[in-house]
Protein backbone atom coordinates (compact mmCIF):
# COMPACT_ATOMS: atom_id res chain seq x y z
CA UNK A 1 -14.88 -15.59 20.91
CA UNK A 2 -14.21 -16.14 17.29
CA UNK A 3 -13.72 -12.64 17.17
CA UNK A 4 -11.54 -12.24 20.28
CA UNK A 5 -9.30 -14.69 18.57
CA UNK A 6 -8.75 -13.21 15.64
CA UNK A 7 -5.75 -11.08 16.72
CA UNK A 8 -4.41 -13.86 17.77
CA UNK A 9 -3.62 -16.98 20.19
CA UNK A 10 -4.45 -16.35 23.72
CA UNK A 11 -5.56 -18.90 27.11
CA UNK A 12 -8.51 -19.98 28.92
CA UNK A 13 -7.81 -18.06 31.47
CA UNK A 14 -7.53 -14.32 28.66
CA UNK A 15 -10.77 -15.64 27.24
CA UNK A 16 -12.18 -15.69 30.75
CA UNK A 17 -10.94 -11.91 31.38
CA UNK A 18 -11.72 -10.79 27.87
CA UNK A 19 -15.61 -12.02 27.73
CA UNK A 20 -16.59 -11.48 31.47
CA UNK A 21 -18.06 -15.57 30.99
CA UNK A 22 -17.56 -18.33 33.87
CA UNK A 23 -14.38 -20.42 33.16
CA UNK A 24 -16.90 -23.44 32.87
CA UNK A 25 -18.63 -21.45 30.26
CA UNK A 26 -15.68 -20.47 28.09
CA UNK A 27 -14.18 -24.07 28.81
CA UNK A 28 -17.98 -25.66 27.16
CA UNK A 29 -17.53 -23.09 24.15
CA UNK A 30 -14.18 -23.69 23.47
CA UNK A 31 -14.74 -27.37 23.55
CA UNK A 32 -17.38 -26.85 21.33
CA UNK A 33 -15.37 -24.72 18.81
CA UNK A 34 -12.70 -27.50 18.96
CA UNK A 35 -15.32 -29.96 17.97
CA UNK A 36 -16.31 -28.06 14.98
CA UNK A 37 -12.98 -27.44 14.00
CA UNK A 38 -12.90 -23.45 14.42
CA UNK A 39 -10.02 -23.64 16.96
CA UNK A 40 -7.24 -26.15 17.89
CA UNK A 41 -5.76 -26.01 21.39
CA UNK A 42 -1.86 -26.66 22.09
CA UNK A 43 0.11 -26.55 25.12
CA UNK A 44 1.78 -23.11 26.38
CA UNK A 45 5.76 -24.02 26.69
CA UNK A 46 6.40 -20.48 28.34
CA UNK A 47 3.22 -20.17 30.29
CA UNK A 48 4.37 -24.11 31.87
CA UNK A 49 7.75 -22.87 31.77
CA UNK A 50 7.00 -19.54 34.16
CA UNK A 51 4.31 -21.20 36.34
CA UNK A 52 5.05 -24.83 36.50
CA UNK A 53 1.72 -25.74 34.75
CA UNK A 54 0.50 -26.52 31.76
CA UNK A 55 -1.80 -23.92 30.05
CA UNK A 56 -3.54 -24.50 27.16
CA UNK A 57 -3.47 -21.73 24.36
CA UNK A 58 -6.40 -21.83 22.06
CA UNK A 59 -6.27 -20.02 18.62
CA UNK A 60 -8.30 -19.33 15.97
CA UNK A 61 -8.43 -21.14 12.74
CA UNK A 62 -10.27 -19.11 9.83
CA UNK A 63 -11.51 -20.18 7.18
CA UNK A 64 -12.86 -17.33 5.95
CA UNK A 65 -12.08 -13.68 7.50
CA UNK A 66 -12.47 -10.13 6.59
CA UNK A 67 -9.98 -7.31 5.91
CA UNK A 68 -9.49 -3.59 5.74
CA UNK A 69 -7.46 -2.08 3.16
CA UNK A 70 -6.79 1.59 3.48
CA UNK A 71 -4.76 4.38 1.30
CA UNK A 72 -4.31 7.55 2.04
CA UNK A 73 -4.81 9.47 -1.50
CA UNK A 74 -3.22 12.71 -2.36
CA UNK A 75 -5.16 15.17 -5.26
CA UNK A 76 -3.49 18.56 -5.61
CA UNK A 77 -2.79 18.48 -1.90
CA UNK A 78 -5.83 17.98 -0.54
CA UNK A 79 -5.75 13.96 0.95
CA UNK A 80 -8.56 11.45 1.00
CA UNK A 81 -8.61 8.29 3.23
CA UNK A 82 -9.78 5.56 1.10
CA UNK A 83 -11.15 1.95 2.24
CA UNK A 84 -12.57 -1.20 1.48
CA UNK A 85 -13.10 -4.23 3.24
CA UNK A 86 -12.49 -7.64 1.66
CA UNK A 87 -13.56 -11.42 2.24
CA UNK A 88 -11.30 -13.91 1.55
CA UNK A 89 -11.65 -17.56 1.04
CA UNK A 90 -9.40 -20.29 -0.74
CA UNK A 91 -12.20 -19.49 -3.89
CA UNK A 92 -13.17 -15.95 -3.56
CA UNK A 93 -11.44 -12.71 -2.66
CA UNK A 94 -14.29 -9.88 -3.08
CA UNK A 95 -12.37 -6.54 -2.64
CA UNK A 96 -15.27 -3.99 -2.95
CA UNK A 97 -14.65 0.09 -2.27
CA UNK A 98 -16.64 1.66 0.43
CA UNK A 99 -15.78 5.55 -0.33
CA UNK A 100 -13.24 8.12 0.97
CA UNK A 101 -13.28 10.93 3.91
CA UNK A 102 -11.14 13.96 3.46
CA UNK A 103 -8.63 14.33 5.98
CA UNK A 104 -9.15 17.58 7.20
CA UNK A 105 -6.17 16.79 10.01
CA UNK A 106 -3.15 15.68 8.75
CA UNK A 107 -1.14 15.14 11.95
CA UNK A 108 -0.30 11.59 12.89
CA UNK A 109 -2.82 11.35 15.53
CA UNK A 110 -5.50 13.07 12.90
CA UNK A 111 -4.26 10.06 10.45
CA UNK A 112 -5.02 7.36 14.00
CA UNK A 113 -8.20 9.02 13.81
CA UNK A 114 -9.27 8.53 10.65
CA UNK A 115 -8.18 5.17 10.22
CA UNK A 116 -10.08 3.96 13.15
CA UNK A 117 -13.03 5.69 12.34
CA UNK A 118 -13.24 3.62 9.00
CA UNK A 119 -12.64 0.75 10.64
CA UNK A 120 -15.32 1.05 12.96
CA UNK A 121 -17.35 2.00 9.80
CA UNK A 122 -16.93 -0.91 7.70
CA UNK A 123 -17.56 -3.10 10.73
CA UNK A 124 -20.80 -1.56 11.38
CA UNK A 125 -21.89 -1.70 8.27
CA UNK A 126 -21.57 -5.60 8.18
CA UNK A 127 -22.20 -7.02 11.40
CA UNK A 128 -22.92 -10.51 10.14
CA UNK A 129 -19.35 -10.69 8.52
CA UNK A 130 -16.75 -12.51 9.35
CA UNK A 131 -14.71 -11.14 11.85
CA UNK A 132 -11.81 -8.35 10.91
CA UNK A 133 -8.52 -10.17 11.14
CA UNK A 134 -5.93 -7.69 10.26
CA UNK A 135 -5.87 -4.18 8.55
CA UNK A 136 -3.71 -2.44 5.50
CA UNK A 137 -3.03 1.10 5.21
CA UNK A 138 -0.51 2.33 2.56
CA UNK A 139 0.83 5.97 3.14
CA UNK A 140 2.57 8.62 0.30
CA UNK A 141 5.43 8.53 2.84
CA UNK A 142 8.47 6.67 3.96
CA UNK A 143 7.81 3.70 5.82
CA UNK A 144 10.11 1.29 8.02
CA UNK A 145 8.45 -2.22 8.18
CA UNK A 146 10.15 -4.21 11.11
CA UNK A 147 9.52 -0.70 13.54
CA UNK A 148 6.28 0.16 12.02
CA UNK A 149 7.01 3.55 11.53
CA UNK A 150 6.44 6.61 8.76
CA UNK A 151 9.68 7.42 8.83
CA UNK A 152 9.37 10.99 6.91
CA UNK A 153 6.97 12.23 4.68
CA UNK A 154 7.43 15.53 3.03
CA UNK A 155 3.73 15.22 1.77
CA UNK A 156 2.32 15.43 5.28
CA UNK A 157 4.84 18.18 6.10
CA UNK A 158 5.07 15.98 9.53
CA UNK A 159 8.77 16.86 11.03
CA UNK A 160 8.33 13.88 13.18
CA UNK A 161 11.06 11.48 12.41
CA UNK A 162 9.63 7.76 13.16
CA UNK A 163 6.12 8.06 13.72
CA UNK A 164 4.96 5.02 15.05
CA UNK A 165 1.74 4.47 12.89
CA UNK A 166 1.57 0.68 13.56
CA UNK A 167 1.60 0.62 17.03
CA UNK A 168 -0.55 3.51 17.33
CA UNK A 169 -3.36 2.36 15.29
CA UNK A 170 -2.81 -1.60 16.83
CA UNK A 171 -3.69 0.41 19.99
CA UNK A 172 -6.70 2.39 19.13
CA UNK A 173 -7.98 -0.41 16.72
CA UNK A 174 -7.00 -3.90 18.51
CA UNK A 175 -6.29 -5.56 16.03
CA UNK A 176 -2.96 -6.31 13.84
CA UNK A 177 -1.78 -3.39 11.25
CA UNK A 178 0.36 -4.03 8.26
CA UNK A 179 2.31 -0.49 6.69
CA UNK A 180 2.99 -0.23 3.20
CA UNK A 181 3.85 2.50 0.47
CA UNK A 182 1.65 3.22 -1.65
CA UNK A 183 4.26 2.25 -4.83
CA UNK A 184 4.44 -1.04 -3.00
CA UNK A 185 0.43 -1.31 -2.50
CA UNK A 186 0.32 -0.65 -6.07
CA UNK A 187 2.73 -3.41 -7.02
CA UNK A 188 0.85 -5.57 -4.61
CA UNK A 189 -2.39 -5.36 -6.17
CA UNK A 190 -0.60 -6.24 -9.88
CA UNK A 191 1.13 -8.97 -8.19
CA UNK A 192 -2.63 -10.41 -6.48
CA UNK A 193 -4.55 -10.22 -9.46
CA UNK A 194 -2.27 -12.23 -11.97
CA UNK A 195 -0.84 -14.93 -8.94
CA UNK A 196 0.38 -17.77 -10.80
CA UNK A 197 0.82 -16.28 -14.27
CA UNK A 198 4.60 -14.90 -14.87
CA UNK A 199 3.25 -11.52 -15.08
CA UNK A 200 4.73 -11.13 -12.17
CA UNK A 201 7.45 -12.68 -12.49
CA UNK A 202 9.70 -9.33 -13.17
CA UNK A 203 7.90 -5.97 -13.74
CA UNK A 204 8.55 -1.87 -12.89
CA UNK A 205 5.58 -0.41 -11.51
CA UNK A 206 6.16 4.12 -11.88
CA UNK A 207 3.98 5.92 -10.11
CA UNK A 208 3.72 9.85 -10.71
CA UNK A 209 1.21 11.80 -9.69
CA UNK A 210 1.66 14.84 -7.10
CA UNK A 211 4.89 12.59 -6.10
CA UNK A 212 6.44 10.17 -7.94
CA UNK A 213 7.88 6.61 -7.03
CA UNK A 214 9.16 3.17 -8.35
CA UNK A 215 8.59 -0.57 -7.35
CA UNK A 216 10.76 -2.84 -8.49
CA UNK A 217 9.39 -6.48 -8.48
CA UNK A 218 11.76 -8.77 -9.25
CA UNK A 219 10.64 -13.34 -9.01
CA UNK A 220 7.06 -12.20 -7.44
CA UNK A 221 8.61 -10.19 -5.05
CA UNK A 222 9.18 -6.60 -4.08
CA UNK A 223 12.97 -5.47 -4.01
CA UNK A 224 12.54 -3.02 -0.55
CA UNK A 225 16.26 -2.58 0.05
CA UNK A 226 18.57 -2.88 3.41
CA UNK A 227 16.24 -0.39 4.62
CA UNK A 228 12.87 -0.44 3.15
CA UNK A 229 13.68 2.55 0.66
CA UNK A 230 14.35 1.36 -2.37
CA UNK A 231 12.45 2.89 -5.15
CA UNK A 232 12.69 6.27 -4.40
CA UNK A 233 12.66 7.62 -8.28
CA UNK A 234 11.27 11.51 -7.13
CA UNK A 235 14.76 12.11 -5.73
CA UNK A 236 17.18 10.93 -7.85
CA UNK A 237 18.80 14.53 -8.43
CA UNK A 238 18.62 16.04 -12.35
CA UNK A 239 22.07 17.72 -12.77
CA UNK A 240 21.83 21.95 -13.08
CA UNK A 241 18.40 21.63 -11.25
CA UNK A 242 18.76 23.91 -7.82
CA UNK A 243 14.20 23.57 -6.86
CA UNK A 244 13.70 22.75 -2.95
CA UNK A 245 12.01 19.60 -3.19
CA UNK A 246 9.69 18.46 -0.20
CA UNK A 247 12.33 15.93 1.10
CA UNK A 248 14.11 19.56 1.64
CA UNK A 249 16.87 18.47 -0.46
CA UNK A 250 17.48 20.40 -3.86
CA UNK A 251 17.37 19.68 -7.49
CA UNK A 252 14.84 15.97 -7.24
CA UNK A 253 13.35 14.82 -10.16
CA UNK A 254 10.18 15.35 -8.08
CA UNK A 255 10.63 19.11 -9.07
CA UNK A 256 10.71 18.74 -12.97
CA UNK A 257 8.25 15.54 -13.48
CA UNK A 258 5.35 15.03 -11.04
CA UNK A 259 1.96 16.75 -11.47
CA UNK A 260 2.49 19.92 -9.39
CA UNK A 261 5.84 20.70 -11.41
CA UNK A 262 3.69 21.18 -14.67
CA UNK A 263 1.31 23.12 -12.69
CA UNK A 264 3.94 25.50 -11.81
CA UNK A 265 5.82 25.30 -14.57
CA UNK A 266 2.18 26.24 -17.19
CA UNK A 267 0.80 28.49 -14.49
CA UNK A 268 -2.63 26.35 -14.97
CA UNK A 269 -4.37 24.37 -12.10
CA UNK A 270 -5.87 21.51 -13.98
CA UNK A 271 -3.63 18.73 -15.42
CA UNK A 272 -6.76 17.41 -17.12
CA UNK A 273 -6.96 20.81 -18.69
CA UNK A 274 -3.36 21.40 -20.01
CA UNK A 275 -3.22 17.69 -21.49
CA UNK A 276 -6.36 18.99 -23.90
CA UNK A 277 -4.73 22.29 -24.64
CA UNK A 278 -1.50 19.95 -25.55
CA UNK A 279 -3.50 17.54 -27.73
CA UNK A 280 -5.21 20.03 -29.12
CA UNK A 281 -1.48 21.34 -30.39
CA UNK A 282 -1.17 23.72 -27.37
CA UNK A 283 2.51 24.37 -27.74
CA UNK A 284 3.44 26.35 -24.19
CA UNK A 285 1.83 23.26 -22.88
CA UNK A 286 3.54 20.70 -25.10
CA UNK A 287 6.64 22.13 -24.24
CA UNK A 288 6.53 21.73 -20.94
CA UNK A 289 4.49 18.00 -20.64
CA UNK A 290 7.66 16.95 -23.27
CA UNK A 291 10.30 17.99 -20.54
CA UNK A 292 8.99 16.32 -17.97
CA UNK A 293 8.50 12.72 -19.88
CA UNK A 294 12.40 13.12 -20.59
CA UNK A 295 13.32 13.84 -17.28
CA UNK A 296 11.04 11.20 -15.77
CA UNK A 297 12.36 8.81 -18.79
CA UNK A 298 15.90 9.28 -17.57
CA UNK A 299 15.41 8.34 -14.21
CA UNK A 300 12.77 5.21 -15.34
CA UNK A 301 16.20 4.39 -17.67
CA UNK A 302 18.28 3.93 -14.88
CA UNK A 303 15.69 1.77 -13.47
CA UNK A 304 15.24 -0.17 -16.17
CA UNK A 305 19.12 -0.50 -16.95
CA UNK A 306 19.60 -2.00 -13.16
CA UNK A 307 17.34 -4.19 -13.12
CA UNK A 308 16.20 -5.30 -16.66
CA UNK A 309 12.33 -5.61 -15.52
CA UNK A 310 10.14 -7.79 -18.01
CA UNK A 311 7.10 -5.30 -18.10
CA UNK A 312 7.04 -1.39 -17.35
CA UNK A 313 3.59 0.03 -15.75
CA UNK A 314 3.68 3.73 -15.62
CA UNK A 315 0.41 4.92 -13.48
CA UNK A 316 0.35 8.39 -14.59
CA UNK A 317 -3.10 9.13 -13.67
CA UNK A 318 -4.67 12.37 -16.13
CA UNK A 319 -1.06 12.04 -18.21
CA UNK A 320 -2.32 8.57 -19.77
CA UNK A 321 -4.32 10.78 -22.47
CA UNK A 322 -1.17 13.06 -23.43
CA UNK A 323 -0.15 11.94 -26.96
CA UNK A 324 3.06 14.24 -26.23
CA UNK A 325 3.79 13.10 -23.12
CA UNK A 326 3.70 9.05 -23.91
CA UNK A 327 5.80 10.01 -27.56
CA UNK A 328 8.52 11.90 -25.80
CA UNK A 329 8.89 9.50 -22.76
CA UNK A 330 9.04 6.83 -25.59
CA UNK A 331 11.83 8.41 -27.65
CA UNK A 332 13.96 9.39 -24.89
CA UNK A 333 14.07 5.75 -23.08
CA UNK A 334 15.25 4.10 -26.09
CA UNK A 335 17.76 6.54 -26.15
CA UNK A 336 18.85 6.25 -22.57
CA UNK A 337 18.19 2.70 -21.79
CA UNK A 338 21.53 0.46 -22.62
CA UNK A 339 22.45 -0.19 -25.94
CA UNK A 340 22.59 -4.01 -25.31
CA UNK A 341 20.07 -3.92 -22.81
CA UNK A 342 15.95 -4.40 -24.14
CA UNK A 343 13.27 -2.16 -23.92
CA UNK A 344 10.57 -4.12 -21.14
CA UNK A 345 8.33 -6.55 -23.58
CA UNK A 346 5.37 -4.26 -22.86
CA UNK A 347 4.82 -0.55 -21.71
CA UNK A 348 1.63 -0.18 -20.51
CA UNK A 349 0.39 3.59 -19.95
CA UNK A 350 -2.47 3.21 -16.68
CA UNK A 351 -5.26 5.67 -16.06
CA UNK A 352 -3.68 5.86 -11.91
CA UNK A 353 -7.29 3.83 -10.29
CA UNK A 354 -6.40 4.56 -6.23
CA UNK A 355 -8.39 1.88 -5.13
CA UNK A 356 -5.44 -0.44 -6.55
CA UNK A 357 -3.44 0.91 -3.80
CA UNK A 358 -6.46 0.37 -1.34
CA UNK A 359 -6.71 -3.54 -2.54
CA UNK A 360 -2.84 -4.09 -2.27
CA UNK A 361 -2.72 -2.38 0.92
CA UNK A 362 -5.65 -5.16 1.96
CA UNK A 363 -3.58 -8.24 0.09
CA UNK A 364 -0.99 -7.12 2.58
CA UNK A 365 -2.47 -7.66 5.35
CA UNK A 366 -3.70 -10.93 4.24
CA UNK A 367 -0.22 -11.83 2.91
CA UNK A 368 1.24 -11.74 6.43
CA UNK A 369 -1.59 -12.69 8.38
CA UNK A 370 0.04 -16.46 9.50
CA UNK A 371 -3.55 -17.33 11.34
CA UNK A 372 -5.48 -17.64 7.70
CA UNK A 373 -6.10 -21.58 6.65
CA UNK A 374 -7.55 -22.68 4.14
CA UNK A 375 -11.13 -24.11 4.17
CA UNK A 376 -11.03 -28.36 4.42
CA UNK A 377 -12.47 -30.45 1.70
């Protein structure tokens, strides 16, 4: 019964219908759960107004619950769905990666089927664990948080505008779903990891890979903008560039400062190999890496000038090993940032761990689930 209540409050007649148990059995079960402090019972004013008599609403008090976080990872054009199941209590949050599957069908329907399969697999893997309360999913796409839709995704090649991913998933798996953009999921993981410290107060996180995005955190919260699309660093325009972007426009920063652009300009398939060649003195590789770093620094510099972050986190994956890339980026950023504007106190270079996006998606589900309460003393 607690598993049924994990998704939100319901009424006793609804529990009778959902469980198939007699009314007296449900009544005794609710009373027992109420006595043990696992549920709370209150009057439902809406039902009372419609029916003319009082109806009791039953809500779970979850002292511990599990949450599923998933993220779509883009690796050289192939898409993978990575998942975790988390257990959250006031004193313990466990986040353990549970593996990944390749998305053979990258349509909205294919994504929904794959996510529901991962949720089912994780649930069956731990049948005695606390019930799953909510699911978080991060995607490399524009997300409309209010509507629960993926508003646009050039990376998926979806022509459909406003794919209703949240409603499709909730209907299929019967659980609340939270959608996040990948870059914001990385930022949420950073916020969760340093909760309560000044490290989460103000920072700028850049995610560079097959695409390019930014997440700005101010006073501990993500700056999302009016429509939730703040941080589209990859679609800032580069003067004189006319290359066609996956978004349909021309001249976007993504066409000169992402993995796919670096591979195209060098004619090589491996970023790791390009970095290794550059570090060994190959000038052709170094020229491309320096050019990408300089263009990226100008875009990041615009964000630094306008938001004044305390830290700059560069999630650059395999480019974390490139001396030329980091040196050129730093030099250009110093030249681009407004003279009276200091660079962030620290620039942290990181080799991207995609499990961080999964953890961030799980944290999105945890932080937005209203029924999770603390254990009693």
